[in-house]
């Protein structure tokens, strides 16, 4: 019996609101700010439910982080034009919190995000 992957400190969920379904196969990069630049922490791809539950470590230090979603290739694979080749979401993380969930609601010409639970 295999166990489910442990949930990481940061998780995400991508929903394609234009079709009312999860966005499977979207590449996501998690980075942390270090000085004037960014350091890659983890890379993942959304599953058939549009989720990534294991994206990076179980804990992160407080700081500024960025999730970059590769939405251009997702829409290209569906033959759909999009205005956004990628979507980057920067957020402040408090390492004392138990978890951060950063969902992305996506359509070819708009997107929205929020801090989920």
PDB file of N, CA and C in Angstrom:
ATOM      1  N   UNK A   1       0.837  -1.168   0.000  1.00  0.00           N
ATOM      2  CA  UNK A   1       0.000   0.000   0.000  1.00  0.00           C
ATOM      3  C   UNK A   1       0.892   1.245   0.000  1.00  0.00           C
ATOM      4  N   UNK A   2       0.612   2.194  -0.899  1.00  0.00           N
ATOM      5  CA  UNK A   2       1.382   3.436  -0.948  1.00  0.00           C
ATOM      6  C   UNK A   2       0.610   4.517  -0.231  1.00  0.00           C
ATOM      7  N   UNK A   3       1.338   5.374   0.438  1.00  0.00           N
ATOM      8  CA  UNK A   3       0.679   6.468   1.146  1.00  0.00           C
ATOM      9  C   UNK A   3       0.640   7.702   0.256  1.00  0.00           C
ATOM     10  N   UNK A   4      -0.296   8.576   0.551  1.00  0.00           N
ATOM     11  CA  UNK A   4      -0.411   9.827  -0.198  1.00  0.00           C
ATOM     12  C   UNK A   4       0.784  10.706   0.138  1.00  0.00           C
ATOM     13  N   UNK A   5       1.222  11.544  -0.818  1.00  0.00           N
ATOM     14  CA  UNK A   5       2.337  12.425  -0.538  1.00  0.00           C
ATOM     15  C   UNK A   5       1.976  13.392   0.593  1.00  0.00           C
ATOM     16  N   UNK A   6       2.963  13.725   1.408  1.00  0.00           N
ATOM     17  CA  UNK A   6       2.739  14.672   2.488  1.00  0.00           C
ATOM     18  C   UNK A   6       2.438  16.036   1.900  1.00  0.00           C
ATOM     19  N   UNK A   7       1.500  16.736   2.508  1.00  0.00           N
ATOM     20  CA  UNK A   7       1.132  18.073   2.033  1.00  0.00           C
ATOM     21  C   UNK A   7       2.260  19.046   2.360  1.00  0.00           C
ATOM     22  N   UNK A   8       2.616  19.851   1.405  1.00  0.00           N
ATOM     23  CA  UNK A   8       3.660  20.843   1.601  1.00  0.00           C
ATOM     24  C   UNK A   8       3.094  22.099   2.275  1.00  0.00           C
ATOM     25  N   UNK A   9       3.969  22.970   2.696  1.00  0.00           N
ATOM     26  CA  UNK A   9       3.583  24.212   3.362  1.00  0.00           C
ATOM     27  C   UNK A   9       2.762  25.091   2.430  1.00  0.00           C
ATOM     28  N   UNK A  10       3.119  25.089   1.147  1.00  0.00           N
ATOM     29  CA  UNK A  10       2.378  25.832   0.127  1.00  0.00           C
ATOM     30  C   UNK A  10       1.758  24.821  -0.829  1.00  0.00           C
ATOM     31  N   UNK A  11       0.457  24.936  -1.032  1.00  0.00           N
ATOM     32  CA  UNK A  11      -0.247  24.108  -2.012  1.00  0.00           C
ATOM     33  C   UNK A  11      -0.985  25.038  -2.971  1.00  0.00           C
ATOM     34  N   UNK A  12      -1.437  24.485  -4.097  1.00  0.00           N
ATOM     35  CA  UNK A  12      -2.170  25.298  -5.060  1.00  0.00           C
ATOM     36  C   UNK A  12      -3.229  24.458  -5.759  1.00  0.00           C
ATOM     37  N   UNK A  13      -4.137  25.151  -6.391  1.00  0.00           N
ATOM     38  CA  UNK A  13      -5.239  24.538  -7.119  1.00  0.00           C
ATOM     39  C   UNK A  13      -5.562  25.475  -8.273  1.00  0.00           C
ATOM     40  N   UNK A  14      -5.574  24.969  -9.503  1.00  0.00           N
ATOM     41  CA  UNK A  14      -5.868  25.795 -10.669  1.00  0.00           C
ATOM     42  C   UNK A  14      -7.186  25.329 -11.272  1.00  0.00           C
ATOM     43  N   UNK A  15      -8.122  26.274 -11.391  1.00  0.00           N
ATOM     44  CA  UNK A  15      -9.427  25.991 -11.997  1.00  0.00           C
ATOM     45  C   UNK A  15      -9.565  26.812 -13.266  1.00  0.00           C
ATOM     46  N   UNK A  16      -9.939  26.159 -14.352  1.00  0.00           N
ATOM     47  CA  UNK A  16     -10.185  26.837 -15.619  1.00  0.00           C
ATOM     48  C   UNK A  16     -11.647  27.258 -15.616  1.00  0.00           C
ATOM     49  N   UNK A  17     -11.889  28.508 -15.257  1.00  0.00           N
ATOM     50  CA  UNK A  17     -13.264  28.978 -15.112  1.00  0.00           C
ATOM     51  C   UNK A  17     -13.979  29.119 -16.451  1.00  0.00           C
ATOM     52  N   UNK A  18     -13.230  29.174 -17.555  1.00  0.00           N
ATOM     53  CA  UNK A  18     -13.851  29.277 -18.875  1.00  0.00           C
ATOM     54  C   UNK A  18     -14.576  27.992 -19.256  1.00  0.00           C
ATOM     55  N   UNK A  19     -14.107  26.858 -18.730  1.00  0.00           N
ATOM     56  CA  UNK A  19     -14.748  25.572 -19.043  1.00  0.00           C
ATOM     57  C   UNK A  19     -15.352  24.921 -17.805  1.00  0.00           C
ATOM     58  N   UNK A  20     -15.157  25.552 -16.646  1.00  0.00           N
ATOM     59  CA  UNK A  20     -15.730  25.026 -15.413  1.00  0.00           C
ATOM     60  C   UNK A  20     -15.127  23.709 -14.974  1.00  0.00           C
ATOM     61  N   UNK A  21     -13.800  23.588 -15.105  1.00  0.00           N
ATOM     62  CA  UNK A  21     -13.131  22.326 -14.768  1.00  0.00           C
ATOM     63  C   UNK A  21     -11.741  22.609 -14.212  1.00  0.00           C
ATOM     64  N   UNK A  22     -11.186  21.638 -13.487  1.00  0.00           N
ATOM     65  CA  UNK A  22      -9.800  21.784 -13.037  1.00  0.00           C
ATOM     66  C   UNK A  22      -8.850  21.890 -14.230  1.00  0.00           C
ATOM     67  N   UNK A  23      -7.765  22.623 -14.043  1.00  0.00           N
ATOM     68  CA  UNK A  23      -6.757  22.779 -15.088  1.00  0.00           C
ATOM     69  C   UNK A  23      -5.617  21.795 -14.813  1.00  0.00           C
ATOM     70  N   UNK A  24      -5.688  20.643 -15.432  1.00  0.00           N
ATOM     71  CA  UNK A  24      -4.655  19.613 -15.275  1.00  0.00           C
ATOM     72  C   UNK A  24      -3.476  19.908 -16.190  1.00  0.00           C
ATOM     73  N   UNK A  25      -2.276  19.605 -15.704  1.00  0.00           N
ATOM     74  CA  UNK A  25      -1.082  19.738 -16.533  1.00  0.00           C
ATOM     75  C   UNK A  25      -0.455  21.113 -16.556  1.00  0.00           C
ATOM     76  N   UNK A  26      -0.805  21.976 -15.610  1.00  0.00           N
ATOM     77  CA  UNK A  26      -0.203  23.306 -15.550  1.00  0.00           C
ATOM     78  C   UNK A  26       1.088  23.225 -14.734  1.00  0.00           C
ATOM     79  N   UNK A  27       2.184  23.638 -15.317  1.00  0.00           N
ATOM     80  CA  UNK A  27       3.449  23.673 -14.608  1.00  0.00           C
ATOM     81  C   UNK A  27       3.490  24.841 -13.637  1.00  0.00           C
ATOM     82  N   UNK A  28       4.059  24.590 -12.448  1.00  0.00           N
ATOM     83  CA  UNK A  28       4.142  25.628 -11.410  1.00  0.00           C
ATOM     84  C   UNK A  28       5.546  25.615 -10.809  1.00  0.00           C
ATOM     85  N   UNK A  29       6.106  26.797 -10.622  1.00  0.00           N
ATOM     86  CA  UNK A  29       7.412  26.953  -9.973  1.00  0.00           C
ATOM     87  C   UNK A  29       7.204  27.781  -8.713  1.00  0.00           C
ATOM     88  N   UNK A  30       7.731  27.296  -7.600  1.00  0.00           N
ATOM     89  CA  UNK A  30       7.735  28.028  -6.337  1.00  0.00           C
ATOM     90  C   UNK A  30       9.139  28.565  -6.115  1.00  0.00           C
ATOM     91  N   UNK A  31       9.244  29.885  -5.889  1.00  0.00           N
ATOM     92  CA  UNK A  31      10.531  30.527  -5.654  1.00  0.00           C
ATOM     93  C   UNK A  31      10.463  31.397  -4.404  1.00  0.00           C
ATOM     94  N   UNK A  32      11.606  31.599  -3.783  1.00  0.00           N
ATOM     95  CA  UNK A  32      11.718  32.504  -2.648  1.00  0.00           C
ATOM     96  C   UNK A  32      12.636  33.653  -2.990  1.00  0.00           C
ATOM     97  N   UNK A  33      12.306  34.819  -2.472  1.00  0.00           N
ATOM     98  CA  UNK A  33      13.151  35.986  -2.727  1.00  0.00           C
ATOM     99  C   UNK A  33      14.392  35.913  -1.855  1.00  0.00           C
ATOM    100  N   UNK A  34      15.530  36.136  -2.514  1.00  0.00           N
ATOM    101  CA  UNK A  34      16.817  36.195  -1.821  1.00  0.00           C
ATOM    102  C   UNK A  34      17.553  37.402  -2.335  1.00  0.00           C
ATOM    103  N   UNK A  35      17.651  38.443  -1.509  1.00  0.00           N
ATOM    104  CA  UNK A  35      18.261  39.688  -1.961  1.00  0.00           C
ATOM    105  C   UNK A  35      17.428  40.296  -3.068  1.00  0.00           C
ATOM    106  N   UNK A  36      18.077  40.612  -4.191  1.00  0.00           N
ATOM    107  CA  UNK A  36      17.373  41.199  -5.329  1.00  0.00           C
ATOM    108  C   UNK A  36      16.868  40.146  -6.311  1.00  0.00           C
ATOM    109  N   UNK A  37      17.129  38.864  -6.040  1.00  0.00           N
ATOM    110  CA  UNK A  37      16.750  37.813  -6.980  1.00  0.00           C
ATOM    111  C   UNK A  37      15.816  36.782  -6.376  1.00  0.00           C
ATOM    112  N   UNK A  38      15.627  35.707  -7.110  1.00  0.00           N
ATOM    113  CA  UNK A  38      14.735  34.616  -6.723  1.00  0.00           C
ATOM    114  C   UNK A  38      15.493  33.302  -6.754  1.00  0.00           C
ATOM    115  N   UNK A  39      15.169  32.414  -5.820  1.00  0.00           N
ATOM    116  CA  UNK A  39      15.770  31.092  -5.752  1.00  0.00           C
ATOM    117  C   UNK A  39      14.659  30.057  -5.888  1.00  0.00           C
ATOM    118  N   UNK A  40      14.837  29.137  -6.834  1.00  0.00           N
ATOM    119  CA  UNK A  40      13.837  28.093  -7.043  1.00  0.00           C
ATOM    120  C   UNK A  40      13.818  27.140  -5.853  1.00  0.00           C
ATOM    121  N   UNK A  41      12.619  26.868  -5.363  1.00  0.00           N
ATOM    122  CA  UNK A  41      12.436  25.958  -4.238  1.00  0.00           C
ATOM    123  C   UNK A  41      11.842  24.641  -4.698  1.00  0.00           C
ATOM    124  N   UNK A  42      10.863  24.713  -5.599  1.00  0.00           N
ATOM    125  CA  UNK A  42      10.187  23.492  -6.053  1.00  0.00           C
ATOM    126  C   UNK A  42       9.512  23.728  -7.395  1.00  0.00           C
ATOM    127  N   UNK A  43       9.293  22.621  -8.110  1.00  0.00           N
ATOM    128  CA  UNK A  43       8.595  22.626  -9.391  1.00  0.00           C
ATOM    129  C   UNK A  43       7.567  21.508  -9.339  1.00  0.00           C
ATOM    130  N   UNK A  44       6.396  21.761  -9.889  1.00  0.00           N
ATOM    131  CA  UNK A  44       5.365  20.733  -9.929  1.00  0.00           C
ATOM    132  C   UNK A  44       4.429  20.943 -11.098  1.00  0.00           C
ATOM    133  N   UNK A  45       3.526  20.008 -11.276  1.00  0.00           N
ATOM    134  CA  UNK A  45       2.515  20.062 -12.330  1.00  0.00           C
ATOM    135  C   UNK A  45       1.180  19.678 -11.717  1.00  0.00           C
ATOM    136  N   UNK A  46       0.145  20.439 -12.053  1.00  0.00           N
ATOM    137  CA  UNK A  46      -1.166  20.137 -11.494  1.00  0.00           C
ATOM    138  C   UNK A  46      -1.656  18.768 -11.961  1.00  0.00           C
ATOM    139  N   UNK A  47      -2.308  18.060 -11.040  1.00  0.00           N
ATOM    140  CA  UNK A  47      -2.842  16.723 -11.347  1.00  0.00           C
ATOM    141  C   UNK A  47      -4.202  16.833 -12.041  1.00  0.00           C
ATOM    142  N   UNK A  48      -4.887  15.727 -12.219  1.00  0.00           N
ATOM    143  CA  UNK A  48      -6.173  15.713 -12.929  1.00  0.00           C
ATOM    144  C   UNK A  48      -7.241  16.533 -12.212  1.00  0.00           C
ATOM    145  N   UNK A  49      -7.032  16.826 -10.932  1.00  0.00           N
ATOM    146  CA  UNK A  49      -7.956  17.677 -10.177  1.00  0.00           C
ATOM    147  C   UNK A  49      -7.479  19.125 -10.123  1.00  0.00           C
ATOM    148  N   UNK A  50      -6.417  19.445 -10.878  1.00  0.00           N
ATOM    149  CA  UNK A  50      -5.886  20.794 -10.914  1.00  0.00           C
ATOM    150  C   UNK A  50      -5.094  21.170  -9.677  1.00  0.00           C
ATOM    151  N   UNK A  51      -4.690  20.188  -8.885  1.00  0.00           N
ATOM    152  CA  UNK A  51      -4.034  20.448  -7.602  1.00  0.00           C
ATOM    153  C   UNK A  51      -2.565  20.031  -7.583  1.00  0.00           C
ATOM    154  N   UNK A  52      -1.825  20.710  -6.718  1.00  0.00           N
ATOM    155  CA  UNK A  52      -0.488  20.261  -6.335  1.00  0.00           C
ATOM    156  C   UNK A  52      -0.460  20.320  -4.809  1.00  0.00           C
ATOM    157  N   UNK A  53      -0.422  19.154  -4.201  1.00  0.00           N
ATOM    158  CA  UNK A  53      -0.399  19.058  -2.739  1.00  0.00           C
ATOM    159  C   UNK A  53       1.023  18.986  -2.194  1.00  0.00           C
ATOM    160  N   UNK A  54       1.968  18.569  -3.016  1.00  0.00           N
ATOM    161  CA  UNK A  54       3.360  18.433  -2.584  1.00  0.00           C
ATOM    162  C   UNK A  54       4.236  19.344  -3.440  1.00  0.00           C
ATOM    163  N   UNK A  55       4.298  20.615  -3.053  1.00  0.00           N
ATOM    164  CA  UNK A  55       5.090  21.605  -3.776  1.00  0.00           C
ATOM    165  C   UNK A  55       6.060  22.228  -2.784  1.00  0.00           C
ATOM    166  N   UNK A  56       7.209  21.619  -2.644  1.00  0.00           N
ATOM    167  CA  UNK A  56       8.214  22.149  -1.743  1.00  0.00           C
ATOM    168  C   UNK A  56       8.159  21.514  -0.370  1.00  0.00           C
ATOM    169  N   UNK A  57       8.871  22.115   0.558  1.00  0.00           N
ATOM    170  CA  UNK A  57       9.026  21.524   1.886  1.00  0.00           C
ATOM    171  C   UNK A  57       7.772  21.668   2.749  1.00  0.00           C
ATOM    172  N   UNK A  58       7.778  20.971   3.872  1.00  0.00           N
ATOM    173  CA  UNK A  58       6.675  21.020   4.828  1.00  0.00           C
ATOM    174  C   UNK A  58       6.650  22.335   5.597  1.00  0.00           C
ATOM    175  N   UNK A  59       7.771  23.055   5.628  1.00  0.00           N
ATOM    176  CA  UNK A  59       7.857  24.361   6.309  1.00  0.00           C
ATOM    177  C   UNK A  59       8.689  25.307   5.455  1.00  0.00           C
ATOM    178  N   UNK A  60       8.358  26.583   5.531  1.00  0.00           N
ATOM    179  CA  UNK A  60       9.152  27.635   4.897  1.00  0.00           C
ATOM    180  C   UNK A  60       9.371  28.746   5.905  1.00  0.00           C
ATOM    181  N   UNK A  61      10.483  29.417   5.788  1.00  0.00           N
ATOM    182  CA  UNK A  61      10.754  30.581   6.629  1.00  0.00           C
ATOM    183  C   UNK A  61       9.859  31.737   6.195  1.00  0.00           C
ATOM    184  N   UNK A  62       9.635  32.670   7.086  1.00  0.00           N
ATOM    185  CA  UNK A  62       8.880  33.871   6.729  1.00  0.00           C
ATOM    186  C   UNK A  62       9.624  34.612   5.625  1.00  0.00           C
ATOM    187  N   UNK A  63       8.882  35.178   4.687  1.00  0.00           N
ATOM    188  CA  UNK A  63       9.500  35.924   3.603  1.00  0.00           C
ATOM    189  C   UNK A  63       8.571  36.099   2.426  1.00  0.00           C
ATOM    190  N   UNK A  64       9.130  36.565   1.323  1.00  0.00           N
ATOM    191  CA  UNK A  64       8.385  36.792   0.089  1.00  0.00           C
ATOM    192  C   UNK A  64       8.625  35.622  -0.850  1.00  0.00           C
ATOM    193  N   UNK A  65       7.543  35.109  -1.393  1.00  0.00           N
ATOM    194  CA  UNK A  65       7.598  33.954  -2.283  1.00  0.00           C
ATOM    195  C   UNK A  65       6.814  34.256  -3.554  1.00  0.00           C
ATOM    196  N   UNK A  66       7.101  33.465  -4.582  1.00  0.00           N
ATOM    197  CA  UNK A  66       6.425  33.648  -5.862  1.00  0.00           C
ATOM    198  C   UNK A  66       6.060  32.281  -6.433  1.00  0.00           C
ATOM    199  N   UNK A  67       4.814  32.169  -6.868  1.00  0.00           N
ATOM    200  CA  UNK A  67       4.353  31.008  -7.629  1.00  0.00           C
ATOM    201  C   UNK A  67       4.166  31.464  -9.069  1.00  0.00           C
ATOM    202  N   UNK A  68       4.796  30.772 -10.005  1.00  0.00           N
ATOM    203  CA  UNK A  68       4.641  31.097 -11.421  1.00  0.00           C
ATOM    204  C   UNK A  68       3.973  29.928 -12.115  1.00  0.00           C
ATOM    205  N   UNK A  69       2.842  30.210 -12.744  1.00  0.00           N
ATOM    206  CA  UNK A  69       2.017  29.209 -13.407  1.00  0.00           C
ATOM    207  C   UNK A  69       2.223  29.312 -14.918  1.00  0.00           C
ATOM    208  N   UNK A  70       2.593  28.221 -15.564  1.00  0.00           N
ATOM    209  CA  UNK A  70       2.829  28.189 -17.017  1.00  0.00           C
ATOM    210  C   UNK A  70       1.496  27.964 -17.727  1.00  0.00           C
ATOM    211  N   UNK A  71       0.722  29.028 -17.874  1.00  0.00           N
ATOM    212  CA  UNK A  71      -0.611  28.889 -18.463  1.00  0.00           C
ATOM    213  C   UNK A  71      -0.586  28.901 -19.994  1.00  0.00           C
ATOM    214  N   UNK A  72       0.454  29.489 -20.591  1.00  0.00           N
ATOM    215  CA  UNK A  72       0.559  29.492 -22.054  1.00  0.00           C
ATOM    216  C   UNK A  72       0.579  28.089 -22.635  1.00  0.00           C
ATOM    217  N   UNK A  73       1.460  27.210 -22.154  1.00  0.00           N
ATOM    218  CA  UNK A  73       1.468  25.841 -22.669  1.00  0.00           C
ATOM    219  C   UNK A  73       0.165  25.086 -22.388  1.00  0.00           C
ATOM    220  N   UNK A  74      -0.462  25.361 -21.249  1.00  0.00           N
ATOM    221  CA  UNK A  74      -1.748  24.721 -20.924  1.00  0.00           C
ATOM    222  C   UNK A  74      -2.786  25.058 -21.999  1.00  0.00           C
ATOM    223  N   UNK A  75      -2.920  26.351 -22.323  1.00  0.00           N
ATOM    224  CA  UNK A  75      -3.907  26.736 -23.337  1.00  0.00           C
ATOM    225  C   UNK A  75      -3.482  26.310 -24.740  1.00  0.00           C
ATOM    226  N   UNK A  76      -2.194  26.352 -25.040  1.00  0.00           N
ATOM    227  CA  UNK A  76      -1.719  25.913 -26.358  1.00  0.00           C
ATOM    228  C   UNK A  76      -2.075  24.453 -26.602  1.00  0.00           C
ATOM    229  N   UNK A  77      -1.973  23.632 -25.560  1.00  0.00           N
ATOM    230  CA  UNK A  77      -2.304  22.211 -25.715  1.00  0.00           C
ATOM    231  C   UNK A  77      -3.784  21.994 -25.979  1.00  0.00           C
ATOM    232  N   UNK A  78      -4.598  23.004 -25.719  1.00  0.00           N
ATOM    233  CA  UNK A  78      -6.035  22.931 -25.966  1.00  0.00           C
ATOM    234  C   UNK A  78      -6.447  23.709 -27.210  1.00  0.00           C
ATOM    235  N   UNK A  79      -5.465  24.285 -27.905  1.00  0.00           N
ATOM    236  CA  UNK A  79      -5.761  25.061 -29.103  1.00  0.00           C
ATOM    237  C   UNK A  79      -6.500  26.351 -28.799  1.00  0.00           C
ATOM    238  N   UNK A  80      -6.257  26.910 -27.607  1.00  0.00           N
ATOM    239  CA  UNK A  80      -6.945  28.117 -27.169  1.00  0.00           C
ATOM    240  C   UNK A  80      -5.948  29.257 -27.021  1.00  0.00           C
ATOM    241  N   UNK A  81      -6.257  30.391 -27.628  1.00  0.00           N
ATOM    242  CA  UNK A  81      -5.407  31.570 -27.481  1.00  0.00           C
ATOM    243  C   UNK A  81      -5.561  32.122 -26.071  1.00  0.00           C
ATOM    244  N   UNK A  82      -4.475  32.673 -25.545  1.00  0.00           N
ATOM    245  CA  UNK A  82      -4.521  33.292 -24.226  1.00  0.00           C
ATOM    246  C   UNK A  82      -3.683  34.565 -24.229  1.00  0.00           C
ATOM    247  N   UNK A  83      -4.077  35.495 -23.415  1.00  0.00           N
ATOM    248  CA  UNK A  83      -3.353  36.749 -23.266  1.00  0.00           C
ATOM    249  C   UNK A  83      -2.134  36.586 -22.363  1.00  0.00           C
ATOM    250  N   UNK A  84      -2.178  35.599 -21.462  1.00  0.00           N
ATOM    251  CA  UNK A  84      -1.132  35.419 -20.463  1.00  0.00           C
ATOM    252  C   UNK A  84      -0.285  34.178 -20.746  1.00  0.00           C
ATOM    253  N   UNK A  85       0.990  34.340 -21.080  1.00  0.00           N
ATOM    254  CA  UNK A  85       1.848  33.169 -21.248  1.00  0.00           C
ATOM    255  C   UNK A  85       2.178  32.528 -19.901  1.00  0.00           C
ATOM    256  N   UNK A  86       2.177  33.351 -18.842  1.00  0.00           N
ATOM    257  CA  UNK A  86       2.365  32.839 -17.491  1.00  0.00           C
ATOM    258  C   UNK A  86       1.721  33.809 -16.516  1.00  0.00           C
ATOM    259  N   UNK A  87       1.431  33.298 -15.336  1.00  0.00           N
ATOM    260  CA  UNK A  87       0.867  34.114 -14.266  1.00  0.00           C
ATOM    261  C   UNK A  87       1.777  33.955 -13.055  1.00  0.00           C
ATOM    262  N   UNK A  88       2.258  35.076 -12.526  1.00  0.00           N
ATOM    263  CA  UNK A  88       3.082  35.047 -11.323  1.00  0.00           C
ATOM    264  C   UNK A  88       2.315  35.673 -10.173  1.00  0.00           C
ATOM    265  N   UNK A  89       2.309  34.964  -9.056  1.00  0.00           N
ATOM    266  CA  UNK A  89       1.636  35.438  -7.849  1.00  0.00           C
ATOM    267  C   UNK A  89       2.689  35.543  -6.756  1.00  0.00           C
ATOM    268  N   UNK A  90       2.932  36.767  -6.285  1.00  0.00           N
ATOM    269  CA  UNK A  90       3.866  36.976  -5.182  1.00  0.00           C
ATOM    270  C   UNK A  90       3.069  37.126  -3.897  1.00  0.00           C
ATOM    271  N   UNK A  91       3.603  36.563  -2.824  1.00  0.00           N
ATOM    272  CA  UNK A  91       2.904  36.641  -1.546  1.00  0.00           C
ATOM    273  C   UNK A  91       3.897  36.685  -0.394  1.00  0.00           C
ATOM    274  N   UNK A  92       3.451  37.251   0.705  1.00  0.00           N
ATOM    275  CA  UNK A  92       4.223  37.290   1.941  1.00  0.00           C
ATOM    276  C   UNK A  92       3.800  36.102   2.785  1.00  0.00           C
ATOM    277  N   UNK A  93       4.745  35.333   3.224  1.00  0.00           N
ATOM    278  CA  UNK A  93       4.456  34.139   4.019  1.00  0.00           C
ATOM    279  C   UNK A  93       4.999  34.323   5.424  1.00  0.00           C
ATOM    280  N   UNK A  94       4.171  33.968   6.381  1.00  0.00           N
ATOM    281  CA  UNK A  94       4.554  33.959   7.787  1.00  0.00           C
ATOM    282  C   UNK A  94       4.840  32.507   8.144  1.00  0.00           C
ATOM    283  N   UNK A  95       6.090  32.195   8.382  1.00  0.00           N
ATOM    284  CA  UNK A  95       6.496  30.824   8.656  1.00  0.00           C
ATOM    285  C   UNK A  95       5.872  30.216   9.899  1.00  0.00           C
ATOM    286  N   UNK A  96       5.230  31.034  10.742  1.00  0.00           N
ATOM    287  CA  UNK A  96       4.563  30.513  11.943  1.00  0.00           C
ATOM    288  C   UNK A  96       3.162  29.981  11.656  1.00  0.00           C
ATOM    289  N   UNK A  97       2.642  30.282  10.469  1.00  0.00           N
ATOM    290  CA  UNK A  97       1.313  29.794  10.091  1.00  0.00           C
ATOM    291  C   UNK A  97       1.389  28.305   9.759  1.00  0.00           C
ATOM    292  N   UNK A  98       0.273  27.583   9.851  1.00  0.00           N
ATOM    293  CA  UNK A  98       0.326  26.139   9.589  1.00  0.00           C
ATOM    294  C   UNK A  98       0.406  25.762   8.110  1.00  0.00           C
ATOM    295  N   UNK A  99      -0.119  26.632   7.205  1.00  0.00           N
ATOM    296  CA  UNK A  99      -0.233  26.227   5.803  1.00  0.00           C
ATOM    297  C   UNK A  99      -0.677  27.419   4.964  1.00  0.00           C
ATOM    298  N   UNK A 100      -0.253  27.423   3.705  1.00  0.00           N
ATOM    299  CA  UNK A 100      -0.733  28.415   2.741  1.00  0.00           C
ATOM    300  C   UNK A 100      -1.248  27.691   1.504  1.00  0.00           C
ATOM    301  N   UNK A 101      -2.473  28.049   1.094  1.00  0.00           N
ATOM    302  CA  UNK A 101      -3.066  27.512  -0.128  1.00  0.00           C
ATOM    303  C   UNK A 101      -3.309  28.701  -1.055  1.00  0.00           C
ATOM    304  N   UNK A 102      -2.755  28.625  -2.272  1.00  0.00           N
ATOM    305  CA  UNK A 102      -2.830  29.737  -3.218  1.00  0.00           C
ATOM    306  C   UNK A 102      -3.521  29.256  -4.499  1.00  0.00           C
ATOM    307  N   UNK A 103      -4.852  29.364  -4.560  1.00  0.00           N
ATOM    308  CA  UNK A 103      -5.577  28.939  -5.754  1.00  0.00           C
ATOM    309  C   UNK A 103      -5.475  29.970  -6.882  1.00  0.00           C
ATOM    310  N   UNK A 104      -5.625  29.492  -8.112  1.00  0.00           N
ATOM    311  CA  UNK A 104      -5.654  30.355  -9.287  1.00  0.00           C
ATOM    312  C   UNK A 104      -6.917  30.020 -10.077  1.00  0.00           C
ATOM    313  N   UNK A 105      -7.767  31.028 -10.266  1.00  0.00           N
ATOM    314  CA  UNK A 105      -8.943  30.898 -11.120  1.00  0.00           C
ATOM    315  C   UNK A 105      -8.555  31.499 -12.458  1.00  0.00           C
ATOM    316  N   UNK A 106      -8.644  30.712 -13.497  1.00  0.00           N
ATOM    317  CA  UNK A 106      -8.027  31.047 -14.771  1.00  0.00           C
ATOM    318  C   UNK A 106      -9.034  31.050 -15.903  1.00  0.00           C
ATOM    319  N   UNK A 107      -8.872  31.968 -16.832  1.00  0.00           N
ATOM    320  CA  UNK A 107      -9.550  31.927 -18.127  1.00  0.00           C
ATOM    321  C   UNK A 107      -8.537  32.477 -19.130  1.00  0.00           C
ATOM    322  N   UNK A 108      -8.796  32.343 -20.422  1.00  0.00           N
ATOM    323  CA  UNK A 108      -7.787  32.773 -21.390  1.00  0.00           C
ATOM    324  C   UNK A 108      -7.411  34.258 -21.313  1.00  0.00           C
ATOM    325  N   UNK A 109      -8.317  35.100 -20.805  1.00  0.00           N
ATOM    326  CA  UNK A 109      -8.057  36.536 -20.820  1.00  0.00           C
ATOM    327  C   UNK A 109      -8.236  37.209 -19.450  1.00  0.00           C
ATOM    328  N   UNK A 110      -8.262  36.394 -18.403  1.00  0.00           N
ATOM    329  CA  UNK A 110      -8.375  36.949 -17.052  1.00  0.00           C
ATOM    330  C   UNK A 110      -7.929  35.889 -16.052  1.00  0.00           C
ATOM    331  N   UNK A 111      -7.561  36.355 -14.863  1.00  0.00           N
ATOM    332  CA  UNK A 111      -7.286  35.422 -13.774  1.00  0.00           C
ATOM    333  C   UNK A 111      -7.526  36.115 -12.447  1.00  0.00           C
ATOM    334  N   UNK A 112      -7.687  35.298 -11.417  1.00  0.00           N
ATOM    335  CA  UNK A 112      -7.912  35.792 -10.068  1.00  0.00           C
ATOM    336  C   UNK A 112      -7.251  34.807  -9.113  1.00  0.00           C
ATOM    337  N   UNK A 113      -6.832  35.312  -7.971  1.00  0.00           N
ATOM    338  CA  UNK A 113      -6.213  34.464  -6.972  1.00  0.00           C
ATOM    339  C   UNK A 113      -6.600  34.969  -5.594  1.00  0.00           C
ATOM    340  N   UNK A 114      -6.411  34.142  -4.595  1.00  0.00           N
ATOM    341  CA  UNK A 114      -6.729  34.525  -3.226  1.00  0.00           C
ATOM    342  C   UNK A 114      -5.997  33.583  -2.286  1.00  0.00           C
ATOM    343  N   UNK A 115      -5.983  33.922  -1.010  1.00  0.00           N
ATOM    344  CA  UNK A 115      -5.415  33.006  -0.034  1.00  0.00           C
ATOM    345  C   UNK A 115      -6.504  32.054   0.408  1.00  0.00           C
ATOM    346  N   UNK A 116      -6.350  30.797   0.058  1.00  0.00           N
ATOM    347  CA  UNK A 116      -7.335  29.790   0.422  1.00  0.00           C
ATOM    348  C   UNK A 116      -7.001  29.151   1.741  1.00  0.00           C
ATOM    349  N   UNK A 117      -7.702  28.066   2.026  1.00  0.00           N
ATOM    350  CA  UNK A 117      -7.459  27.365   3.287  1.00  0.00           C
ATOM    351  C   UNK A 117      -7.124  25.913   3.038  1.00  0.00           C
TER     352      UNK A 117
END
